[in-house]
Amino acid sequence: MDWLLAIVTFSLGLALGSFMTVVTARVPAGESVVQPRSRCPTCGVEIANRDNVPILGWALLRGRCRNCGSRISARYPLLELSTALLVSGAFLVYESVWVAVAIAALLMLMPAIALIDIEHRIIPNRVMYPSLVAFPVYLVVARLAGAPVDLVRMVAGFALFGGALFVVALVSRGMGMGDVKLASLIGLVLGSLGLRYVGGVGAIVALLIGRGRKAAIPFGPYLAAGAIVAAFWGSQIADWYLRTFVRV
């Protein structure tokens, strides 16, 4: 029943999105994502459980702290909502639970990483290094369990997409090693599904970067947007890109 799956996975995504709001606020500051409990950024008072329900708590408080009345940014409910939609979408699109979990986990990171990069101009190693270890381990286990993932293409995606951006980083002042690590992670996960997905993300990133070269926006959001689009339409985008620009 797709509707039941959508409800369950959307609820899961909201919970994960709530955690990602903590990640975006604390990881760039070098703080723990576990302790202390969430607090008002203005007065420092701990947020009550009833006010900490994803999206609903913010809406009922009309975007203000219950204690001091200061505004609480809409970024929090928007990040929760976008994460929930992406997680739910992954489970609705991919039939294999193993694959759906991998894609949902990857997509869960994308809005948070994009937001951190926009605000702080970094893609934090505290997120990237654990991800670059956990995802390949998970995909190996998934393959051993019979999931339709290709470990050879996983390595190829890691090398091709990460390697391509590594070369760009060497010759470009606008791209850093954080972008290379993010590209490597995206290539690794999507490559395990097939190199057309990596081609799809490469195509969409190329188009976005081409249109936004003069904008003062870091590359992380482009990579995140490309990963999201490619996860759902990567094969179709790769075919269109090749027909349109490579003429094959």
Protein backbone atom coordinates (compact mmCIF):
# COMPACT_ATOMS: atom_id res chain seq x y z
CA MET A 1 0.00 0.00 0.00
CA ASP A 2 1.80 3.08 -1.29
CA TRP A 3 -0.16 5.49 0.88
CA LEU A 4 0.82 3.65 4.07
CA LEU A 5 4.45 3.49 2.97
CA ALA A 6 4.34 7.21 2.20
CA ILE A 7 2.94 8.05 5.64
CA VAL A 8 5.45 5.90 7.51
CA THR A 9 8.49 7.06 5.54
CA PHE A 10 7.38 10.70 5.59
CA SER A 11 7.10 10.53 9.39
CA LEU A 12 10.54 8.94 9.55
CA GLY A 13 11.85 11.68 7.27
CA LEU A 14 10.46 14.39 9.55
CA ALA A 15 12.30 12.90 12.51
CA LEU A 16 15.50 12.68 10.49
CA GLY A 17 14.96 16.22 9.24
CA SER A 18 14.64 17.44 12.81
CA PHE A 19 18.00 15.87 13.57
CA MET A 20 19.52 17.46 10.47
CA THR A 21 18.49 20.91 11.73
CA VAL A 22 20.68 20.19 14.74
CA VAL A 23 23.50 19.11 12.43
CA THR A 24 23.33 22.34 10.40
CA ALA A 25 23.42 24.46 13.55
CA ARG A 26 26.03 22.63 15.60
CA VAL A 27 28.47 20.86 13.28
CA PRO A 28 29.91 24.09 11.77
CA ALA A 29 30.39 25.38 15.32
CA GLY A 30 32.20 22.21 16.39
CA GLU A 31 29.50 21.34 18.93
CA SER A 32 27.99 17.99 19.86
CA VAL A 33 24.86 16.97 17.95
CA VAL A 34 23.71 14.90 20.93
CA GLN A 35 23.97 17.19 23.94
CA PRO A 36 22.63 19.56 25.14
CA ARG A 37 18.97 19.51 24.13
CA SER A 38 17.71 22.01 21.57
CA ARG A 39 17.55 25.57 22.87
CA CYS A 40 16.30 28.92 21.68
CA PRO A 41 19.19 30.56 19.80
CA THR A 42 18.31 33.93 21.37
CA CYS A 43 17.50 33.36 25.05
CA GLY A 44 19.05 29.90 25.47
CA VAL A 45 16.00 28.36 27.13
CA GLU A 46 15.56 24.66 26.41
CA ILE A 47 12.79 23.93 23.92
CA ALA A 48 9.98 21.89 25.47
CA ASN A 49 9.05 18.54 23.96
CA ARG A 50 5.66 19.83 22.86
CA ASP A 51 7.34 22.61 20.91
CA ASN A 52 9.94 20.34 19.36
CA VAL A 53 7.57 18.39 17.10
CA PRO A 54 8.81 18.75 13.51
CA ILE A 55 7.02 21.51 11.54
CA LEU A 56 3.96 21.45 13.84
CA GLY A 57 5.80 22.89 16.84
CA TRP A 58 7.13 25.81 14.79
CA ALA A 59 3.72 26.42 13.19
CA LEU A 60 1.82 26.43 16.50
CA LEU A 61 4.31 28.89 17.97
CA ARG A 62 3.98 31.01 14.81
CA GLY A 63 7.72 30.90 14.38
CA ARG A 64 8.53 32.46 17.75
CA CYS A 65 10.15 31.28 20.97
CA ARG A 66 7.60 30.52 23.68
CA ASN A 67 9.85 32.10 26.31
CA CYS A 68 11.28 35.28 24.78
CA GLY A 69 9.12 35.74 21.70
CA SER A 70 12.08 36.08 19.34
CA ARG A 71 11.69 34.80 15.79
CA ILE A 72 12.78 31.27 14.97
CA SER A 73 13.95 30.95 11.39
CA ALA A 74 11.72 29.19 8.86
CA ARG A 75 14.81 27.23 7.76
CA TYR A 76 14.03 24.67 10.47
CA PRO A 77 10.58 23.54 9.28
CA LEU A 78 11.67 23.86 5.64
CA LEU A 79 14.66 21.60 6.24
CA GLU A 80 12.44 19.11 8.06
CA LEU A 81 9.88 19.14 5.25
CA SER A 82 12.42 18.79 2.44
CA THR A 83 14.18 15.92 4.21
CA ALA A 84 10.87 14.14 4.77
CA LEU A 85 9.88 14.49 1.11
CA LEU A 86 13.23 13.16 -0.10
CA VAL A 87 13.27 10.20 2.28
CA SER A 88 9.69 9.27 1.45
CA GLY A 89 10.36 9.70 -2.27
CA ALA A 90 13.30 7.31 -2.14
CA PHE A 91 11.17 4.56 -0.64
CA LEU A 92 8.38 5.15 -3.13
CA VAL A 93 10.68 5.08 -6.17
CA TYR A 94 13.05 2.22 -5.34
CA GLU A 95 11.59 -1.25 -4.92
CA SER A 96 14.57 -2.76 -3.10
CA VAL A 97 14.51 -1.79 0.58
CA TRP A 98 18.32 -2.01 0.69
CA VAL A 99 18.62 0.45 -2.19
CA ALA A 100 15.89 2.72 -0.84
CA VAL A 101 17.68 3.00 2.50
CA ALA A 102 20.96 3.93 0.80
CA ILE A 103 19.33 6.56 -1.42
CA ALA A 104 17.23 7.95 1.42
CA ALA A 105 20.32 8.27 3.61
CA LEU A 106 22.21 10.05 0.83
CA LEU A 107 19.35 12.42 0.04
CA MET A 108 18.81 13.14 3.74
CA LEU A 109 22.26 14.73 3.81
CA MET A 110 21.82 16.92 0.75
CA PRO A 111 19.64 19.81 2.05
CA ALA A 112 21.69 20.06 5.24
CA ILE A 113 25.02 20.06 3.40
CA ALA A 114 23.75 22.66 0.93
CA LEU A 115 22.58 24.91 3.76
CA ILE A 116 25.87 24.59 5.65
CA ASP A 117 27.85 25.37 2.51
CA ILE A 118 25.72 28.42 1.73
CA GLU A 119 26.02 29.81 5.25
CA HIS A 120 29.58 28.83 6.16
CA ARG A 121 31.30 28.02 2.85
CA ILE A 122 32.33 24.59 4.11
CA ILE A 123 31.31 20.99 3.64
CA PRO A 124 32.24 19.63 7.07
CA ASN A 125 34.56 16.66 7.43
CA ARG A 126 32.51 15.58 10.46
CA VAL A 127 29.78 14.69 7.98
CA MET A 128 31.85 13.60 4.99
CA TYR A 129 34.39 11.24 6.55
CA PRO A 130 31.87 9.04 8.41
CA SER A 131 29.70 8.98 5.28
CA LEU A 132 32.58 7.92 3.05
CA VAL A 133 33.16 4.97 5.38
CA ALA A 134 29.57 4.02 6.23
CA PHE A 135 28.06 4.05 2.74
CA PRO A 136 30.49 1.64 1.05
CA VAL A 137 30.30 -0.71 4.04
CA TYR A 138 26.52 -0.65 3.86
CA LEU A 139 26.50 -1.22 0.10
CA VAL A 140 28.85 -4.19 0.42
CA VAL A 141 26.53 -5.71 3.03
CA ALA A 142 23.55 -4.95 0.80
CA ARG A 143 25.20 -6.71 -2.13
CA LEU A 144 25.98 -9.76 0.01
CA ALA A 145 22.30 -9.77 1.01
CA GLY A 146 21.29 -9.89 -2.66
CA ALA A 147 20.42 -6.24 -3.24
CA PRO A 148 20.68 -4.98 -6.86
CA VAL A 149 23.80 -2.89 -6.33
CA ASP A 150 26.99 -3.09 -8.38
CA LEU A 151 30.18 -2.75 -6.34
CA VAL A 152 32.41 -2.35 -9.39
CA ARG A 153 30.30 0.56 -10.62
CA MET A 154 30.25 1.91 -7.06
CA VAL A 155 34.04 2.21 -7.17
CA ALA A 156 33.90 3.56 -10.73
CA GLY A 157 31.35 6.21 -9.74
CA PHE A 158 33.51 7.22 -6.80
CA ALA A 159 36.58 7.53 -9.03
CA LEU A 160 34.93 9.13 -12.04
CA PHE A 161 32.78 11.79 -10.39
CA GLY A 162 35.12 12.47 -7.48
CA GLY A 163 38.15 12.36 -9.76
CA ALA A 164 36.61 14.74 -12.27
CA LEU A 165 35.89 17.32 -9.59
CA PHE A 166 39.33 16.77 -8.07
CA VAL A 167 40.83 17.89 -11.39
CA VAL A 168 38.47 20.88 -11.43
CA ALA A 169 39.51 21.74 -7.86
CA LEU A 170 43.16 21.71 -8.86
CA VAL A 171 42.63 24.27 -11.62
CA SER A 172 39.78 26.28 -10.10
CA ARG A 173 39.77 28.73 -7.21
CA GLY A 174 36.05 28.29 -6.65
CA MET A 175 36.03 24.63 -5.70
CA GLY A 176 37.53 23.07 -2.58
CA MET A 177 38.29 19.58 -1.36
CA GLY A 178 34.97 19.49 0.47
CA ASP A 179 33.25 19.60 -2.90
CA VAL A 180 35.47 16.76 -4.11
CA LYS A 181 34.55 14.62 -1.10
CA LEU A 182 30.86 15.33 -1.63
CA ALA A 183 31.12 14.45 -5.33
CA SER A 184 32.96 11.25 -4.44
CA LEU A 185 30.19 10.26 -2.03
CA ILE A 186 27.47 11.02 -4.57
CA GLY A 187 29.32 9.11 -7.29
CA LEU A 188 29.87 6.18 -4.96
CA VAL A 189 26.22 5.77 -3.96
CA LEU A 190 24.60 6.56 -7.29
CA GLY A 191 27.28 4.64 -9.16
CA SER A 192 26.25 1.50 -7.30
CA LEU A 193 22.93 1.77 -9.17
CA GLY A 194 24.57 2.28 -12.56
CA LEU A 195 26.93 4.76 -14.18
CA ARG A 196 24.01 6.43 -15.98
CA TYR A 197 23.01 7.86 -12.63
CA VAL A 198 26.47 9.35 -12.26
CA GLY A 199 26.18 10.67 -15.80
CA GLY A 200 22.84 12.18 -14.89
CA VAL A 201 24.20 13.99 -11.87
CA GLY A 202 27.17 15.17 -13.91
CA ALA A 203 24.86 16.57 -16.57
CA ILE A 204 22.63 18.46 -14.19
CA VAL A 205 25.59 19.86 -12.25
CA ALA A 206 27.24 20.98 -15.50
CA LEU A 207 24.08 22.80 -16.53
CA LEU A 208 23.58 24.42 -13.14
CA ILE A 209 27.19 25.53 -12.85
CA GLY A 210 27.11 26.84 -16.40
CA ARG A 211 24.13 29.02 -15.58
CA GLY A 212 25.39 30.16 -12.22
CA ARG A 213 29.10 30.84 -12.73
CA LYS A 214 28.74 34.54 -11.92
CA ALA A 215 26.66 33.96 -8.79
CA ALA A 216 28.36 34.06 -5.40
CA ILE A 217 27.08 30.60 -4.48
CA PRO A 218 29.35 27.71 -3.41
CA PHE A 219 29.39 24.50 -5.41
CA GLY A 220 27.93 22.31 -2.63
CA PRO A 221 24.31 23.27 -3.36
CA TYR A 222 24.82 22.50 -7.07
CA LEU A 223 26.17 19.07 -6.22
CA ALA A 224 23.35 18.43 -3.76
CA ALA A 225 20.72 19.52 -6.30
CA GLY A 226 22.33 17.32 -8.94
CA ALA A 227 22.32 14.33 -6.60
CA ILE A 228 18.64 14.78 -5.77
CA VAL A 229 17.58 15.12 -9.40
CA ALA A 230 19.81 12.26 -10.54
CA ALA A 231 18.54 9.94 -7.81
CA PHE A 232 15.03 10.19 -9.26
CA TRP A 233 15.67 10.90 -12.95
CA GLY A 234 19.37 10.18 -13.50
CA SER A 235 19.06 7.69 -16.34
CA GLN A 236 16.63 9.88 -18.29
CA ILE A 237 18.80 12.97 -17.80
CA ALA A 238 21.92 11.12 -18.96
CA ASP A 239 20.14 10.03 -22.15
CA TRP A 240 18.84 13.55 -22.83
CA TYR A 241 22.23 15.16 -22.14
CA LEU A 242 24.04 12.79 -24.50
CA ARG A 243 21.48 13.33 -27.26
CA THR A 244 21.47 17.10 -26.86
CA PHE A 245 25.10 17.97 -26.25
CA VAL A 246 27.15 14.95 -27.36
CA ARG A 247 24.92 14.02 -30.30
CA VAL A 248 24.92 10.27 -29.72
